[in-house]
């Protein structure tokens, strides 16, 4: 589970920074990463509970 969350978080940060290389405020590029983590946790919980 930790690896899946790390992949999502890192990917979201990289995508956001690639979209706008002028970003300097971490709130602007970490928000999508936190949202991605929340979505991934919800999906993984649903998968575990459905098994």
PDB file of N, CA and C in Angstrom:
ATOM      1  N   UNK A   1       0.832  -1.189   0.000  1.00  0.00           N
ATOM      2  CA  UNK A   1       0.000   0.000   0.000  1.00  0.00           C
ATOM      3  C   UNK A   1       0.875   1.250   0.000  1.00  0.00           C
ATOM      4  N   UNK A   2       1.942   1.235   0.769  1.00  0.00           N
ATOM      5  CA  UNK A   2       2.827   2.390   0.817  1.00  0.00           C
ATOM      6  C   UNK A   2       3.413   2.727  -0.544  1.00  0.00           C
ATOM      7  N   UNK A   3       3.766   1.694  -1.310  1.00  0.00           N
ATOM      8  CA  UNK A   3       4.325   1.922  -2.639  1.00  0.00           C
ATOM      9  C   UNK A   3       3.293   2.550  -3.559  1.00  0.00           C
ATOM     10  N   UNK A   4       2.068   2.084  -3.501  1.00  0.00           N
ATOM     11  CA  UNK A   4       1.008   2.640  -4.352  1.00  0.00           C
ATOM     12  C   UNK A   4       0.786   4.116  -4.029  1.00  0.00           C
ATOM     13  N   UNK A   5       0.826   4.459  -2.760  1.00  0.00           N
ATOM     14  CA  UNK A   5       0.633   5.855  -2.365  1.00  0.00           C
ATOM     15  C   UNK A   5       1.820   6.716  -2.783  1.00  0.00           C
ATOM     16  N   UNK A   6       3.019   6.179  -2.670  1.00  0.00           N
ATOM     17  CA  UNK A   6       4.210   6.909  -3.085  1.00  0.00           C
ATOM     18  C   UNK A   6       4.191   7.160  -4.593  1.00  0.00           C
ATOM     19  N   UNK A   7       3.809   6.167  -5.353  1.00  0.00           N
ATOM     20  CA  UNK A   7       3.725   6.316  -6.806  1.00  0.00           C
ATOM     21  C   UNK A   7       2.705   7.393  -7.170  1.00  0.00           C
ATOM     22  N   UNK A   8       1.560   7.375  -6.530  1.00  0.00           N
ATOM     23  CA  UNK A   8       0.520   8.376  -6.808  1.00  0.00           C
ATOM     24  C   UNK A   8       0.988   9.779  -6.429  1.00  0.00           C
ATOM     25  N   UNK A   9       1.550   9.910  -5.251  1.00  0.00           N
ATOM     26  CA  UNK A   9       1.991  11.218  -4.751  1.00  0.00           C
ATOM     27  C   UNK A   9       3.079  11.805  -5.650  1.00  0.00           C
ATOM     28  N   UNK A  10       4.093  11.022  -5.924  1.00  0.00           N
ATOM     29  CA  UNK A  10       5.206  11.490  -6.753  1.00  0.00           C
ATOM     30  C   UNK A  10       4.738  11.827  -8.159  1.00  0.00           C
ATOM     31  N   UNK A  11       3.896  10.981  -8.716  1.00  0.00           N
ATOM     32  CA  UNK A  11       3.380  11.228 -10.058  1.00  0.00           C
ATOM     33  C   UNK A  11       2.569  12.511 -10.136  1.00  0.00           C
ATOM     34  N   UNK A  12       1.740  12.749  -9.141  1.00  0.00           N
ATOM     35  CA  UNK A  12       0.916  13.960  -9.135  1.00  0.00           C
ATOM     36  C   UNK A  12       1.769  15.215  -9.026  1.00  0.00           C
ATOM     37  N   UNK A  13       2.783  15.170  -8.170  1.00  0.00           N
ATOM     38  CA  UNK A  13       3.677  16.331  -8.027  1.00  0.00           C
ATOM     39  C   UNK A  13       4.417  16.571  -9.339  1.00  0.00           C
ATOM     40  N   UNK A  14       4.938  15.524  -9.936  1.00  0.00           N
ATOM     41  CA  UNK A  14       5.679  15.672 -11.194  1.00  0.00           C
ATOM     42  C   UNK A  14       4.795  16.215 -12.312  1.00  0.00           C
ATOM     43  N   UNK A  15       3.566  15.704 -12.405  1.00  0.00           N
ATOM     44  CA  UNK A  15       2.653  16.194 -13.447  1.00  0.00           C
ATOM     45  C   UNK A  15       2.347  17.672 -13.257  1.00  0.00           C
ATOM     46  N   UNK A  16       2.095  18.077 -12.000  1.00  0.00           N
ATOM     47  CA  UNK A  16       1.755  19.486 -11.716  1.00  0.00           C
ATOM     48  C   UNK A  16       2.931  20.405 -12.022  1.00  0.00           C
ATOM     49  N   UNK A  17       4.133  19.984 -11.639  1.00  0.00           N
ATOM     50  CA  UNK A  17       5.314  20.801 -11.911  1.00  0.00           C
ATOM     51  C   UNK A  17       5.624  20.858 -13.401  1.00  0.00           C
ATOM     52  N   UNK A  18       5.351  19.784 -14.120  1.00  0.00           N
ATOM     53  CA  UNK A  18       5.566  19.778 -15.573  1.00  0.00           C
ATOM     54  C   UNK A  18       4.577  20.709 -16.266  1.00  0.00           C
ATOM     55  N   UNK A  19       3.365  20.810 -15.730  1.00  0.00           N
ATOM     56  CA  UNK A  19       2.351  21.689 -16.307  1.00  0.00           C
ATOM     57  C   UNK A  19       2.713  23.163 -16.160  1.00  0.00           C
ATOM     58  N   UNK A  20       3.344  23.509 -15.038  1.00  0.00           N
ATOM     59  CA  UNK A  20       3.700  24.912 -14.780  1.00  0.00           C
ATOM     60  C   UNK A  20       5.035  24.953 -14.043  1.00  0.00           C
ATOM     61  N   UNK A  21       6.091  25.127 -14.776  1.00  0.00           N
ATOM     62  CA  UNK A  21       7.432  25.088 -14.208  1.00  0.00           C
ATOM     63  C   UNK A  21       7.753  26.327 -13.370  1.00  0.00           C
ATOM     64  N   UNK A  22       6.875  27.319 -13.371  1.00  0.00           N
ATOM     65  CA  UNK A  22       7.101  28.534 -12.582  1.00  0.00           C
ATOM     66  C   UNK A  22       6.578  28.423 -11.156  1.00  0.00           C
ATOM     67  N   UNK A  23       5.947  27.321 -10.821  1.00  0.00           N
ATOM     68  CA  UNK A  23       5.392  27.150  -9.477  1.00  0.00           C
ATOM     69  C   UNK A  23       6.496  27.173  -8.427  1.00  0.00           C
ATOM     70  N   UNK A  24       6.281  27.942  -7.400  1.00  0.00           N
ATOM     71  CA  UNK A  24       7.221  27.972  -6.282  1.00  0.00           C
ATOM     72  C   UNK A  24       6.524  27.712  -4.948  1.00  0.00           C
ATOM     73  N   UNK A  25       5.227  27.928  -4.896  1.00  0.00           N
ATOM     74  CA  UNK A  25       4.466  27.710  -3.665  1.00  0.00           C
ATOM     75  C   UNK A  25       4.094  26.230  -3.571  1.00  0.00           C
ATOM     76  N   UNK A  26       4.607  25.508  -2.578  1.00  0.00           N
ATOM     77  CA  UNK A  26       4.324  24.078  -2.496  1.00  0.00           C
ATOM     78  C   UNK A  26       2.838  23.752  -2.339  1.00  0.00           C
ATOM     79  N   UNK A  27       2.060  24.691  -1.832  1.00  0.00           N
ATOM     80  CA  UNK A  27       0.619  24.420  -1.705  1.00  0.00           C
ATOM     81  C   UNK A  27      -0.008  24.187  -3.065  1.00  0.00           C
ATOM     82  N   UNK A  28       0.509  24.847  -4.083  1.00  0.00           N
ATOM     83  CA  UNK A  28      -0.065  24.734  -5.425  1.00  0.00           C
ATOM     84  C   UNK A  28       0.230  23.387  -6.077  1.00  0.00           C
ATOM     85  N   UNK A  29       1.384  22.804  -5.777  1.00  0.00           N
ATOM     86  CA  UNK A  29       1.690  21.528  -6.418  1.00  0.00           C
ATOM     87  C   UNK A  29       1.525  20.322  -5.495  1.00  0.00           C
ATOM     88  N   UNK A  30       1.338  20.560  -4.203  1.00  0.00           N
ATOM     89  CA  UNK A  30       1.094  19.442  -3.298  1.00  0.00           C
ATOM     90  C   UNK A  30      -0.395  19.119  -3.150  1.00  0.00           C
ATOM     91  N   UNK A  31      -1.252  20.089  -3.426  1.00  0.00           N
ATOM     92  CA  UNK A  31      -2.697  19.852  -3.320  1.00  0.00           C
ATOM     93  C   UNK A  31      -3.143  18.686  -4.224  1.00  0.00           C
ATOM     94  N   UNK A  32      -2.755  18.669  -5.509  1.00  0.00           N
ATOM     95  CA  UNK A  32      -3.145  17.528  -6.342  1.00  0.00           C
ATOM     96  C   UNK A  32      -2.575  16.199  -5.823  1.00  0.00           C
ATOM     97  N   UNK A  33      -1.397  16.250  -5.227  1.00  0.00           N
ATOM     98  CA  UNK A  33      -0.808  15.030  -4.678  1.00  0.00           C
ATOM     99  C   UNK A  33      -1.629  14.511  -3.501  1.00  0.00           C
ATOM    100  N   UNK A  34      -2.054  15.415  -2.622  1.00  0.00           N
ATOM    101  CA  UNK A  34      -2.886  14.997  -1.486  1.00  0.00           C
ATOM    102  C   UNK A  34      -4.227  14.450  -1.967  1.00  0.00           C
ATOM    103  N   UNK A  35      -4.804  15.086  -2.977  1.00  0.00           N
ATOM    104  CA  UNK A  35      -6.069  14.601  -3.527  1.00  0.00           C
ATOM    105  C   UNK A  35      -5.896  13.217  -4.144  1.00  0.00           C
ATOM    106  N   UNK A  36      -4.779  13.014  -4.817  1.00  0.00           N
ATOM    107  CA  UNK A  36      -4.492  11.705  -5.415  1.00  0.00           C
ATOM    108  C   UNK A  36      -4.326  10.630  -4.361  1.00  0.00           C
ATOM    109  N   UNK A  37      -3.675  10.980  -3.262  1.00  0.00           N
ATOM    110  CA  UNK A  37      -3.522  10.033  -2.151  1.00  0.00           C
ATOM    111  C   UNK A  37      -4.889   9.651  -1.594  1.00  0.00           C
ATOM    112  N   UNK A  38      -5.744  10.629  -1.396  1.00  0.00           N
ATOM    113  CA  UNK A  38      -7.081  10.358  -0.862  1.00  0.00           C
ATOM    114  C   UNK A  38      -7.865   9.431  -1.789  1.00  0.00           C
ATOM    115  N   UNK A  39      -7.786   9.667  -3.083  1.00  0.00           N
ATOM    116  CA  UNK A  39      -8.485   8.815  -4.045  1.00  0.00           C
ATOM    117  C   UNK A  39      -7.925   7.399  -4.047  1.00  0.00           C
ATOM    118  N   UNK A  40      -6.617   7.293  -3.963  1.00  0.00           N
ATOM    119  CA  UNK A  40      -5.976   5.978  -3.966  1.00  0.00           C
ATOM    120  C   UNK A  40      -6.326   5.204  -2.699  1.00  0.00           C
ATOM    121  N   UNK A  41      -6.321   5.865  -1.554  1.00  0.00           N
ATOM    122  CA  UNK A  41      -6.689   5.199  -0.300  1.00  0.00           C
ATOM    123  C   UNK A  41      -8.132   4.716  -0.370  1.00  0.00           C
ATOM    124  N   UNK A  42      -9.029   5.550  -0.873  1.00  0.00           N
ATOM    125  CA  UNK A  42     -10.440   5.157  -0.986  1.00  0.00           C
ATOM    126  C   UNK A  42     -10.596   3.942  -1.900  1.00  0.00           C
ATOM    127  N   UNK A  43      -9.892   3.955  -3.040  1.00  0.00           N
ATOM    128  CA  UNK A  43      -9.982   2.836  -3.981  1.00  0.00           C
ATOM    129  C   UNK A  43      -9.428   1.574  -3.366  1.00  0.00           C
ATOM    130  N   UNK A  44      -8.274   1.648  -2.703  1.00  0.00           N
ATOM    131  CA  UNK A  44      -7.671   0.469  -2.094  1.00  0.00           C
ATOM    132  C   UNK A  44      -8.534  -0.080  -0.959  1.00  0.00           C
ATOM    133  N   UNK A  45      -9.136   0.802  -0.181  1.00  0.00           N
ATOM    134  CA  UNK A  45     -10.031   0.348   0.890  1.00  0.00           C
ATOM    135  C   UNK A  45     -11.238  -0.380   0.309  1.00  0.00           C
ATOM    136  N   UNK A  46     -11.786   0.154  -0.758  1.00  0.00           N
ATOM    137  CA  UNK A  46     -12.921  -0.506  -1.418  1.00  0.00           C
ATOM    138  C   UNK A  46     -12.524  -1.882  -1.922  1.00  0.00           C
ATOM    139  N   UNK A  47     -11.322  -2.000  -2.495  1.00  0.00           N
ATOM    140  CA  UNK A  47     -10.856  -3.293  -3.008  1.00  0.00           C
ATOM    141  C   UNK A  47     -10.667  -4.288  -1.876  1.00  0.00           C
ATOM    142  N   UNK A  48     -10.094  -3.857  -0.773  1.00  0.00           N
ATOM    143  CA  UNK A  48      -9.843  -4.768   0.353  1.00  0.00           C
ATOM    144  C   UNK A  48     -11.166  -5.194   0.984  1.00  0.00           C
ATOM    145  N   UNK A  49     -12.076  -4.262   1.142  1.00  0.00           N
ATOM    146  CA  UNK A  49     -13.352  -4.589   1.782  1.00  0.00           C
ATOM    147  C   UNK A  49     -14.242  -5.450   0.889  1.00  0.00           C
ATOM    148  N   UNK A  50     -14.056  -5.343  -0.410  1.00  0.00           N
ATOM    149  CA  UNK A  50     -14.866  -6.137  -1.344  1.00  0.00           C
ATOM    150  C   UNK A  50     -14.355  -7.580  -1.453  1.00  0.00           C
ATOM    151  N   UNK A  51     -13.125  -7.799  -1.022  1.00  0.00           N
ATOM    152  CA  UNK A  51     -12.535  -9.153  -1.151  1.00  0.00           C
ATOM    153  C   UNK A  51     -13.054 -10.103  -0.110  1.00  0.00           C
TER     154      UNK A  51
END
